[in-house]
Structures are given as structure tokens and as C-alpha cells.
N, C-alpha and C. Protein backbone atom coordinates (compact mmCIF):
# COMPACT_ATOMS: atom_id res chain seq x y z
N MET A 1 0.62 -1.27 -0.12
CA MET A 1 0.06 -0.05 0.00
C MET A 1 0.80 1.33 0.12
N SER A 2 0.77 1.89 -1.13
CA SER A 2 1.47 3.40 -0.99
C SER A 2 1.44 4.60 0.48
N SER A 3 2.67 5.25 0.73
CA SER A 3 2.66 5.78 1.53
C SER A 3 0.56 6.89 1.77
N THR A 4 0.54 7.54 0.83
CA THR A 4 -0.53 8.22 0.60
C THR A 4 -2.13 7.25 0.74
N ALA A 5 -1.62 6.09 0.82
CA ALA A 5 -3.18 5.21 1.30
C ALA A 5 -3.06 4.54 2.97
N GLU A 6 -1.95 5.20 3.24
CA GLU A 6 -1.74 4.13 4.43
C GLU A 6 -2.76 5.35 5.64
N GLY A 7 -3.25 4.85 5.90
CA GLY A 7 -4.48 5.51 7.13
C GLY A 7 -4.99 6.79 6.05
N ALA A 8 -5.29 6.51 5.19
CA ALA A 8 -6.57 7.38 4.50
C ALA A 8 -7.65 7.11 4.50
N THR A 9 -8.80 8.20 4.40
CA THR A 9 -10.14 7.59 4.30
C THR A 9 -10.62 7.19 3.45
N ALA A 10 -11.37 6.40 2.72
CA ALA A 10 -12.33 5.96 1.38
C ALA A 10 -12.46 7.45 0.49
N GLY A 11 -13.15 8.44 0.93
CA GLY A 11 -13.65 9.65 0.74
C GLY A 11 -12.12 11.05 -0.29
N PHE A 12 -10.84 10.40 0.85
CA PHE A 12 -9.86 10.89 0.46
C PHE A 12 -9.13 10.29 -0.41
N LEU A 13 -9.14 8.84 -0.62
CA LEU A 13 -8.75 8.69 -2.01
C LEU A 13 -9.53 8.08 -3.05
N VAL A 14 -10.96 8.06 -2.75
CA VAL A 14 -11.70 8.20 -4.61
C VAL A 14 -10.98 10.06 -4.84
N TRP A 15 -11.33 10.67 -4.24
CA TRP A 15 -10.45 12.02 -4.63
C TRP A 15 -9.21 12.20 -5.04
N ARG A 16 -8.25 11.46 -4.71
CA ARG A 16 -7.53 11.01 -4.57
C ARG A 16 -6.34 10.64 -6.56
N LEU A 17 -7.71 9.52 -6.54
CA LEU A 17 -8.24 8.69 -7.84
C LEU A 17 -8.65 9.70 -8.86
N SER A 18 -10.10 10.39 -8.85
CA SER A 18 -11.01 11.67 -9.02
C SER A 18 -9.47 12.13 -9.93
N MET A 19 -8.93 12.75 -9.32
CA MET A 19 -7.73 13.83 -9.36
C MET A 19 -6.52 13.26 -10.51
N LYS A 20 -6.35 12.20 -9.66
CA LYS A 20 -5.40 11.36 -10.74
C LYS A 20 -5.80 11.42 -12.49
N TRP A 21 -6.77 10.37 -12.53
CA TRP A 21 -7.21 10.38 -13.59
C TRP A 21 -8.30 11.86 -14.52
N ARG A 22 -8.43 12.80 -13.40
CA ARG A 22 -8.53 14.32 -14.08
C ARG A 22 -7.22 14.54 -15.42
N VAL A 23 -6.23 14.52 -14.57
CA VAL A 23 -5.40 15.14 -14.73
C VAL A 23 -4.41 14.39 -15.64
N ALA A 24 -4.94 13.08 -15.60
CA ALA A 24 -4.06 12.17 -16.32
C ALA A 24 -4.55 12.07 -18.33
N VAL A 25 -5.70 12.61 -18.13
CA VAL A 25 -6.56 12.62 -18.91
C VAL A 25 -6.68 13.54 -19.53
N ASP A 26 -7.46 15.38 -19.23
CA ASP A 26 -6.17 16.45 -19.54
C ASP A 26 -5.09 16.44 -20.36
N ARG A 27 -4.09 15.45 -19.73
CA ARG A 27 -2.86 15.79 -20.75
C ARG A 27 -3.04 14.60 -22.13
N ALA A 28 -3.62 13.89 -21.77
CA ALA A 28 -3.77 12.68 -23.03
C ALA A 28 -4.52 13.09 -24.43
N VAL A 29 -5.51 13.78 -23.96
CA VAL A 29 -6.19 14.65 -24.78
C VAL A 29 -5.63 16.15 -25.20
N ALA A 30 -5.23 16.72 -24.23
CA ALA A 30 -5.27 18.10 -25.22
C ALA A 30 -4.09 17.99 -26.33
N PRO A 31 -3.32 17.33 -26.92
CA PRO A 31 -2.84 17.01 -28.63
C PRO A 31 -4.11 16.86 -29.57
N LEU A 32 -5.19 16.29 -29.40
CA LEU A 32 -5.95 17.26 -30.41
C LEU A 32 -7.15 17.88 -29.60
N GLY A 33 -6.78 18.58 -28.70
CA GLY A 33 -6.96 20.30 -28.73
C GLY A 33 -8.57 20.11 -27.30
N LEU A 34 -8.71 19.08 -27.24
CA LEU A 34 -9.79 18.86 -25.72
C LEU A 34 -9.13 18.81 -24.19
N THR A 35 -10.30 19.45 -23.29
CA THR A 35 -9.81 19.26 -22.49
C THR A 35 -10.42 18.40 -21.65
N HIS A 36 -10.09 17.69 -20.39
CA HIS A 36 -10.46 16.38 -19.76
C HIS A 36 -12.87 17.38 -19.78
N ALA A 37 -12.92 17.86 -19.60
CA ALA A 37 -14.61 18.56 -19.18
C ALA A 37 -14.73 18.30 -20.80
N GLN A 38 -14.42 18.39 -21.59
CA GLN A 38 -15.00 18.51 -23.06
C GLN A 38 -14.93 16.93 -23.51
N TYR A 39 -13.99 16.12 -23.09
CA TYR A 39 -14.01 14.66 -23.73
C TYR A 39 -14.83 13.98 -23.13
N ALA A 40 -15.39 14.45 -21.40
CA ALA A 40 -16.29 13.57 -20.81
C ALA A 40 -17.82 13.65 -22.00
N VAL A 41 -18.28 15.45 -22.12
CA VAL A 41 -18.74 15.49 -23.06
C VAL A 41 -19.44 15.14 -24.16
N LEU A 42 -17.94 14.99 -25.00
CA LEU A 42 -18.23 14.58 -26.40
C LEU A 42 -18.39 13.06 -26.31
N ALA A 43 -17.53 12.38 -25.31
CA ALA A 43 -17.68 10.72 -24.79
C ALA A 43 -18.62 10.29 -24.83
N SER A 44 -19.46 10.96 -24.22
CA SER A 44 -21.06 10.77 -23.17
C SER A 44 -21.86 11.06 -24.63
N LEU A 45 -21.79 11.78 -25.46
CA LEU A 45 -22.34 12.31 -26.59
C LEU A 45 -21.92 10.96 -27.67
N TYR A 46 -21.06 10.65 -27.89
CA TYR A 46 -20.63 9.40 -28.67
C TYR A 46 -21.88 9.08 -28.57
N GLY A 47 -21.52 8.41 -27.65
CA GLY A 47 -22.41 6.54 -26.86
C GLY A 47 -23.98 6.33 -26.65
N MET A 48 -24.07 8.46 -26.17
CA MET A 48 -25.56 8.25 -26.57
C MET A 48 -26.14 8.05 -28.24
N SER A 49 -25.77 8.92 -28.51
CA SER A 49 -25.80 8.96 -29.81
C SER A 49 -25.73 7.84 -30.96
N ARG A 50 -24.99 6.79 -30.16
CA ARG A 50 -24.48 5.31 -31.05
C ARG A 50 -25.39 4.39 -30.21
N SER A 51 -25.97 4.93 -29.15
CA SER A 51 -27.83 4.68 -28.57
C SER A 51 -28.82 5.08 -29.33
N GLY A 52 -29.13 5.79 -30.30
CA GLY A 52 -30.03 6.52 -30.95
C GLY A 52 -30.18 7.02 -30.52
N LEU A 53 -29.42 7.87 -29.76
CA LEU A 53 -30.60 9.00 -28.81
C LEU A 53 -29.67 10.59 -29.00
N ARG A 54 -30.74 11.75 -29.27
CA ARG A 54 -29.90 13.04 -29.39
C ARG A 54 -30.02 13.55 -28.30
N PRO A 55 -29.60 13.48 -26.84
CA PRO A 55 -29.85 14.72 -26.01
C PRO A 55 -30.28 15.52 -25.69
N SER A 56 -30.12 16.18 -24.84
CA SER A 56 -30.87 17.82 -24.60
C SER A 56 -29.16 18.70 -23.88
N GLN A 57 -28.81 19.69 -23.91
CA GLN A 57 -27.78 19.88 -22.54
C GLN A 57 -27.84 19.30 -21.56
N ARG A 58 -29.71 19.61 -20.95
CA ARG A 58 -29.80 18.58 -19.89
C ARG A 58 -29.60 17.29 -19.31
N ARG A 59 -29.80 16.79 -20.93
CA ARG A 59 -30.26 15.15 -20.32
C ARG A 59 -28.00 14.71 -20.36
N LEU A 60 -27.56 15.12 -21.16
CA LEU A 60 -26.22 15.29 -20.89
C LEU A 60 -25.48 15.86 -19.57
N ALA A 61 -26.32 16.51 -19.15
CA ALA A 61 -25.59 17.72 -17.81
C ALA A 61 -26.05 16.24 -16.75
N ASP A 62 -27.39 15.79 -16.56
CA ASP A 62 -27.45 14.46 -16.38
C ASP A 62 -26.33 13.26 -15.87
N HIS A 63 -26.43 12.77 -17.49
CA HIS A 63 -25.62 11.63 -17.38
C HIS A 63 -23.83 11.91 -17.07
N THR A 64 -23.39 13.24 -17.47
CA THR A 64 -22.19 13.03 -17.55
C THR A 64 -22.10 13.29 -15.25
N GLY A 65 -22.51 14.21 -14.97
CA GLY A 65 -23.11 15.18 -13.45
C GLY A 65 -21.92 15.85 -13.80
N LEU A 66 -22.23 16.65 -14.70
CA LEU A 66 -21.60 18.31 -15.16
C LEU A 66 -23.10 19.50 -14.23
N GLU A 67 -22.69 20.50 -14.00
CA GLU A 67 -23.53 21.34 -14.09
C GLU A 67 -23.83 21.20 -15.35
N ALA A 68 -25.41 21.69 -15.72
CA ALA A 68 -26.00 21.96 -17.13
C ALA A 68 -25.54 23.35 -16.93
N LEU A 69 -24.94 23.89 -16.79
CA LEU A 69 -24.61 25.86 -16.81
C LEU A 69 -23.17 25.24 -17.53
N TYR A 70 -22.26 24.59 -17.12
CA TYR A 70 -20.94 24.14 -17.58
C TYR A 70 -21.61 23.39 -18.90
N VAL A 71 -21.53 22.37 -19.31
CA VAL A 71 -22.32 21.58 -20.43
C VAL A 71 -23.32 22.75 -21.09
N SER A 72 -23.34 23.76 -20.91
CA SER A 72 -23.74 24.43 -21.41
C SER A 72 -22.70 25.45 -22.21
N LYS A 73 -22.08 25.97 -21.25
CA LYS A 73 -20.56 26.09 -22.36
C LYS A 73 -19.83 25.59 -22.50
N LEU A 74 -19.75 24.55 -22.48
CA LEU A 74 -18.88 23.62 -23.19
C LEU A 74 -19.06 23.22 -24.41
N ALA A 75 -20.91 22.50 -24.68
CA ALA A 75 -21.04 22.95 -26.20
C ALA A 75 -21.17 23.81 -26.96
N ARG A 76 -20.78 24.92 -26.06
CA ARG A 76 -21.05 26.22 -26.91
C ARG A 76 -19.37 26.20 -27.66
N ALA A 77 -18.80 26.06 -27.17
CA ALA A 77 -16.98 26.41 -27.42
C ALA A 77 -17.17 24.83 -28.06
N LEU A 78 -17.73 23.57 -28.03
CA LEU A 78 -17.44 22.45 -28.70
C LEU A 78 -18.47 22.78 -29.79
N GLU A 79 -18.91 23.38 -30.53
CA GLU A 79 -19.77 24.18 -31.02
C GLU A 79 -18.98 24.91 -32.17
N ALA A 80 -18.45 26.05 -31.38
CA ALA A 80 -17.42 26.80 -32.23
C ALA A 80 -15.84 25.97 -32.59
N ALA A 81 -15.49 24.96 -31.96
CA ALA A 81 -14.96 24.27 -33.23
C ALA A 81 -14.94 23.31 -33.87
N GLY A 82 -16.50 23.29 -34.60
CA GLY A 82 -16.87 22.26 -35.45
C GLY A 82 -17.30 21.22 -34.87
N LEU A 83 -17.21 21.02 -33.67
CA LEU A 83 -17.48 19.27 -33.05
C LEU A 83 -18.22 19.15 -32.98
N VAL A 84 -19.17 19.67 -32.64
CA VAL A 84 -20.73 19.64 -31.81
C VAL A 84 -21.92 20.62 -32.76
N ALA A 85 -23.18 20.31 -32.91
CA ALA A 85 -24.14 20.82 -33.44
C ALA A 85 -25.04 20.79 -32.51
N ARG A 86 -25.74 22.08 -32.15
CA ARG A 86 -26.85 22.45 -31.20
C ARG A 86 -27.69 23.02 -32.06
N THR A 87 -28.88 22.02 -31.81
CA THR A 87 -30.00 22.73 -32.46
C THR A 87 -31.09 22.44 -31.51
N ARG A 88 -31.96 23.64 -31.53
CA ARG A 88 -33.40 23.60 -31.22
C ARG A 88 -34.42 22.22 -30.76
N ASP A 89 -34.57 21.93 -29.64
CA ASP A 89 -35.50 21.02 -29.52
C ASP A 89 -37.19 20.75 -30.74
N PRO A 90 -37.59 19.90 -30.72
CA PRO A 90 -38.92 20.69 -32.07
C PRO A 90 -39.33 20.53 -30.53
N ASP A 91 -39.49 19.63 -29.58
CA ASP A 91 -40.46 19.68 -28.87
C ASP A 91 -40.39 20.48 -27.48
N ASP A 92 -39.37 20.97 -27.62
CA ASP A 92 -39.40 21.89 -26.02
C ASP A 92 -38.52 22.88 -26.87
N PRO A 93 -39.23 24.36 -27.44
CA PRO A 93 -37.69 25.20 -27.80
C PRO A 93 -37.08 25.71 -26.60
N ARG A 94 -37.06 25.54 -25.63
CA ARG A 94 -35.63 25.82 -24.67
C ARG A 94 -35.03 25.22 -24.34
N ALA A 95 -34.77 24.14 -24.98
CA ALA A 95 -33.63 23.34 -24.91
C ALA A 95 -33.68 22.90 -25.92
N MET A 96 -31.94 22.54 -25.45
CA MET A 96 -31.29 22.44 -27.43
C MET A 96 -30.68 20.42 -27.49
N GLN A 97 -30.72 20.71 -28.64
CA GLN A 97 -30.30 19.20 -28.51
C GLN A 97 -28.36 19.20 -29.45
N LEU A 98 -28.26 18.44 -28.55
CA LEU A 98 -26.32 18.03 -29.19
C LEU A 98 -26.20 16.90 -30.15
N SER A 99 -25.44 16.86 -31.17
CA SER A 99 -24.95 15.48 -32.33
C SER A 99 -23.57 16.13 -31.90
N LEU A 100 -22.86 15.44 -32.68
CA LEU A 100 -21.78 15.52 -33.23
C LEU A 100 -21.54 15.25 -34.61
N THR A 101 -20.61 16.78 -35.01
CA THR A 101 -20.40 16.77 -36.38
C THR A 101 -19.58 15.55 -36.51
N GLU A 102 -19.56 15.52 -38.03
CA GLU A 102 -18.26 14.39 -38.45
C GLU A 102 -17.11 14.58 -38.78
N GLN A 103 -16.57 15.61 -38.11
CA GLN A 103 -15.26 16.20 -37.28
C GLN A 103 -15.35 16.09 -35.75
N GLY A 104 -16.20 15.79 -35.45
CA GLY A 104 -16.44 15.32 -33.99
C GLY A 104 -16.39 14.25 -33.31
N GLY A 105 -17.21 13.24 -34.50
CA GLY A 105 -16.71 11.89 -34.16
C GLY A 105 -15.64 11.24 -34.44
N ASP A 106 -15.17 11.93 -35.66
CA ASP A 106 -13.29 11.96 -35.79
C ASP A 106 -12.95 12.09 -34.53
N VAL A 107 -12.58 13.07 -33.76
CA VAL A 107 -12.07 13.64 -33.05
C VAL A 107 -12.05 13.17 -31.49
N THR A 108 -13.10 12.47 -31.43
CA THR A 108 -13.91 11.69 -30.11
C THR A 108 -13.19 9.82 -30.48
N ARG A 109 -13.50 9.40 -31.70
CA ARG A 109 -12.86 8.18 -31.30
C ARG A 109 -11.55 8.23 -31.11
N ARG A 110 -10.58 8.79 -31.99
CA ARG A 110 -9.30 9.37 -31.38
C ARG A 110 -8.70 9.33 -29.61
N ALA A 111 -10.19 10.43 -29.22
CA ALA A 111 -9.94 10.57 -27.36
C ALA A 111 -10.13 9.24 -27.09
N ILE A 112 -11.63 8.95 -27.03
CA ILE A 112 -12.09 7.24 -27.32
C ILE A 112 -10.53 6.27 -27.07
N THR A 113 -9.87 6.17 -28.00
CA THR A 113 -8.41 5.62 -27.79
C THR A 113 -7.58 5.70 -26.71
N VAL A 114 -7.74 6.70 -27.15
CA VAL A 114 -6.24 7.58 -26.58
C VAL A 114 -6.47 7.50 -24.35
N VAL A 115 -8.14 7.33 -23.79
CA VAL A 115 -8.10 7.41 -22.89
C VAL A 115 -8.21 5.92 -22.46
N GLN A 116 -9.07 4.63 -23.59
CA GLN A 116 -9.04 3.55 -23.14
C GLN A 116 -7.22 2.99 -23.06
N GLY A 117 -6.44 3.42 -23.22
CA GLY A 117 -5.26 3.30 -22.67
C GLY A 117 -4.65 3.12 -21.94
N LEU A 118 -5.29 4.62 -21.89
CA LEU A 118 -5.59 4.80 -19.51
C LEU A 118 -6.40 4.24 -18.86
N LEU A 119 -7.26 3.75 -19.39
CA LEU A 119 -8.28 3.01 -18.69
C LEU A 119 -7.53 2.18 -18.28
N ASP A 120 -6.73 1.20 -19.15
CA ASP A 120 -5.43 0.08 -19.31
C ASP A 120 -4.78 0.29 -17.81
N GLN A 121 -3.80 1.49 -18.24
CA GLN A 121 -2.62 1.72 -16.95
C GLN A 121 -3.39 1.85 -15.52
N LEU A 122 -4.62 2.56 -15.63
CA LEU A 122 -5.28 2.75 -14.37
C LEU A 122 -5.09 0.94 -13.99
N LEU A 123 -5.70 0.60 -14.71
CA LEU A 123 -6.68 -0.94 -14.34
C LEU A 123 -5.62 -1.96 -14.21
N ALA A 124 -4.40 -1.95 -14.72
CA ALA A 124 -3.26 -2.58 -14.76
C ALA A 124 -2.73 -2.76 -12.92
N PRO A 125 -2.93 -2.80 -12.11
CA PRO A 125 -2.46 -3.36 -10.78
C PRO A 125 -4.11 -4.01 -10.79
N LEU A 126 -4.96 -4.22 -10.80
CA LEU A 126 -5.71 -4.73 -10.74
C LEU A 126 -5.82 -6.05 -11.35
N GLY A 127 -5.41 -6.54 -12.79
CA GLY A 127 -4.97 -7.20 -13.55
C GLY A 127 -5.81 -6.83 -15.10
N GLY A 128 -5.88 -5.62 -15.30
CA GLY A 128 -6.00 -5.46 -16.89
C GLY A 128 -8.17 -5.57 -16.28
N GLN A 129 -8.78 -4.74 -17.55
CA GLN A 129 -10.04 -4.38 -17.67
C GLN A 129 -10.87 -5.43 -17.14
N ASP A 130 -10.49 -6.63 -18.49
CA ASP A 130 -11.53 -7.67 -18.10
C ASP A 130 -10.99 -8.21 -17.36
N SER A 131 -10.28 -8.02 -15.82
CA SER A 131 -10.44 -9.14 -14.69
C SER A 131 -11.64 -8.87 -14.06
N PRO A 132 -11.46 -10.23 -13.05
CA PRO A 132 -12.70 -10.03 -11.95
C PRO A 132 -12.57 -8.97 -11.22
N ARG A 133 -11.30 -9.01 -10.71
CA ARG A 133 -11.06 -7.70 -9.65
C ARG A 133 -11.56 -6.16 -10.02
N ALA A 134 -11.49 -5.95 -11.70
CA ALA A 134 -11.10 -4.44 -12.35
C ALA A 134 -12.76 -5.12 -12.58
N ARG A 135 -13.72 -5.83 -12.79
CA ARG A 135 -14.78 -6.36 -12.81
C ARG A 135 -15.80 -5.90 -11.52
N GLU A 136 -15.35 -6.11 -10.74
CA GLU A 136 -15.93 -5.68 -9.25
C GLU A 136 -15.54 -4.40 -9.05
N PHE A 137 -14.52 -3.97 -9.03
CA PHE A 137 -14.24 -2.67 -8.55
C PHE A 137 -14.68 -1.36 -9.28
N THR A 138 -15.35 -1.79 -10.92
CA THR A 138 -16.29 -1.30 -11.70
C THR A 138 -17.53 -0.99 -10.67
N ARG A 139 -17.77 -2.62 -10.34
CA ARG A 139 -19.55 -2.71 -9.60
C ARG A 139 -19.39 -1.59 -8.17
N GLU A 140 -18.61 -2.29 -7.66
CA GLU A 140 -18.61 -1.04 -6.15
C GLU A 140 -18.07 0.19 -6.40
N LEU A 141 -17.73 1.09 -7.60
CA LEU A 141 -17.91 2.37 -8.11
C LEU A 141 -19.53 2.90 -8.34
N ALA A 142 -20.07 2.34 -9.46
CA ALA A 142 -21.58 2.24 -9.48
C ALA A 142 -22.11 2.24 -8.00
N ALA A 143 -22.45 1.17 -7.60
CA ALA A 143 -22.80 1.57 -6.17
C ALA A 143 -22.63 2.76 -5.29
N LEU A 144 -21.97 2.92 -5.27
CA LEU A 144 -21.12 4.13 -4.49
C LEU A 144 -21.91 5.44 -5.67
N LEU A 145 -21.66 5.73 -6.55
CA LEU A 145 -22.66 6.84 -7.33
C LEU A 145 -23.92 6.66 -7.13
N ASP A 146 -25.08 5.18 -6.90
CA ASP A 146 -26.40 4.91 -6.99
C ASP A 146 -26.21 5.95 -5.54
N ALA A 147 -25.89 5.78 -4.59
CA ALA A 147 -26.10 5.71 -3.19
C ALA A 147 -26.35 7.42 -3.13
N PRO A 148 -27.45 7.40 -2.76
CA PRO A 148 -28.21 8.99 -2.15
C PRO A 148 -27.33 9.42 -1.17
N LEU A 149 -26.77 11.29 -1.79
CA LEU A 149 -26.18 11.68 -0.75
C LEU A 149 -26.96 13.08 -0.58
N ASP A 150 -27.87 12.57 0.60
CA ASP A 150 -28.56 13.75 1.32
C ASP A 150 -28.33 14.67 1.80
N PRO A 151 -28.33 16.26 1.53
CA PRO A 151 -27.62 17.63 2.99
C PRO A 151 -27.65 16.90 4.13
N PRO A 152 -27.21 17.13 5.09
CA PRO A 152 -27.19 17.05 6.18
C PRO A 152 -27.33 17.82 6.97
N HIS A 153 -27.92 17.48 8.34
CA HIS A 153 -29.50 18.63 8.88
C HIS A 153 -27.90 19.32 9.51
N ALA A 154 -29.02 20.67 9.81
CA ALA A 154 -27.84 21.46 10.84
C ALA A 154 -27.51 20.85 11.62
N GLU A 155 -27.97 20.36 12.32
CA GLU A 155 -28.01 19.74 14.23
C GLU A 155 -26.70 18.96 13.63
N THR A 156 -26.73 17.83 12.75
CA THR A 156 -25.87 17.33 12.32
C THR A 156 -24.09 17.86 12.06
N VAL A 157 -24.61 18.74 11.32
CA VAL A 157 -23.07 19.68 11.04
C VAL A 157 -23.24 20.01 12.20
N GLU A 158 -23.72 20.82 13.55
CA GLU A 158 -23.70 21.36 14.85
C GLU A 158 -22.42 20.65 15.29
N ASN A 159 -22.98 19.53 15.49
CA ASN A 159 -22.79 18.85 16.43
C ASN A 159 -21.70 17.26 16.60
N ALA A 160 -21.31 18.22 15.19
CA ALA A 160 -19.74 17.16 14.12
C ALA A 160 -18.66 17.78 15.45
N GLU A 161 -18.40 16.20 15.18
CA GLU A 161 -17.17 16.47 16.74
C GLU A 161 -15.24 16.64 15.18
N GLU A 162 -14.68 17.51 15.83
CA GLU A 162 -13.59 18.03 14.90
C GLU A 162 -12.65 16.92 14.35
N PRO A 163 -12.31 16.07 13.21
CA PRO A 163 -11.15 15.77 13.04
C PRO A 163 -9.77 15.46 14.46
N SER A 164 -9.74 14.42 14.53
CA SER A 164 -8.31 14.07 15.46
C SER A 164 -7.48 13.81 14.49
């Protein structure tokens, strides 16, 4: 176990792993002119469109876990770069539907290949992406993501002890 992990809480380790992943993806997709957040939007849009969906910015925000306003800003920047098309939803004139342009699809496929290589590296200590340990790790992460996080009650916060 690394010195970082020794005595660390699960929350701290999740935070460190998410930061390690974000930095690694940022560096890996930078040569393609992307940031990690842009990659998250493009790759999610790519996957959703392969399933026949043309998601709204709101639906894409819900899918990625990013704030709707941030997805809107990212979508506008990706549209300006020629990677995404934004059109009014015919069923809801307030909503914008997103789709990849041909160039966007090409860049996204290349970025996905790069990020899959990173995932191979990240999961190598567990035996690789297809190992039983990696599949169990994925199930555990999904369970954590599915767990609701209700805001703490005021009295819980007031009565919380200082960490020792």
C-alpha cells in the first residue's frame, strides 16, 4: 500500500484517484485540442448517439454529472470548434439538442482510443480491464455513485466533532 493510502479515508482516496484521472486525461487529450471536461461531453454524446439518442444539454449534464450551465458553456465552445452541432429541440423550444459533427465524431473516436489506453494503465494493478477484480471494482464504484447523498441536517453539522 502506498504511503498516500496508509491511514487515509475512502473519501480522500476517491478524491485523489479522481484528481489523478482528471490530470491524466487532460494531458492525454490535450494534443487533440480537448480538455478532460470536453472529452467527457464528447465521449458521452458519442455513446448516447450510438444508442440512437440525441440528448438535450440537460440530459447530457445529468448523464455526465456536470452542471447544466457548464455543459452549456462546453457545448458552445465545442460548437465553435466545429465538433458539436446544437439545435433547438422541436418538442421543447427552450432546450438545445446536441449531436457530433463529422469532425467531432473523428476527434472523439481518437480521444476514446487514447483514454482507453489510460484505463488499461489505471486498471493494470487489478489485472487489467477484463479481470474479475476490475469488474468488481467497477461494480463497487457504480454502487457508490448510485447511493443518494442527502444534505446533512443542520444539527448534524453543528454537533460534528473535529477530526482528530
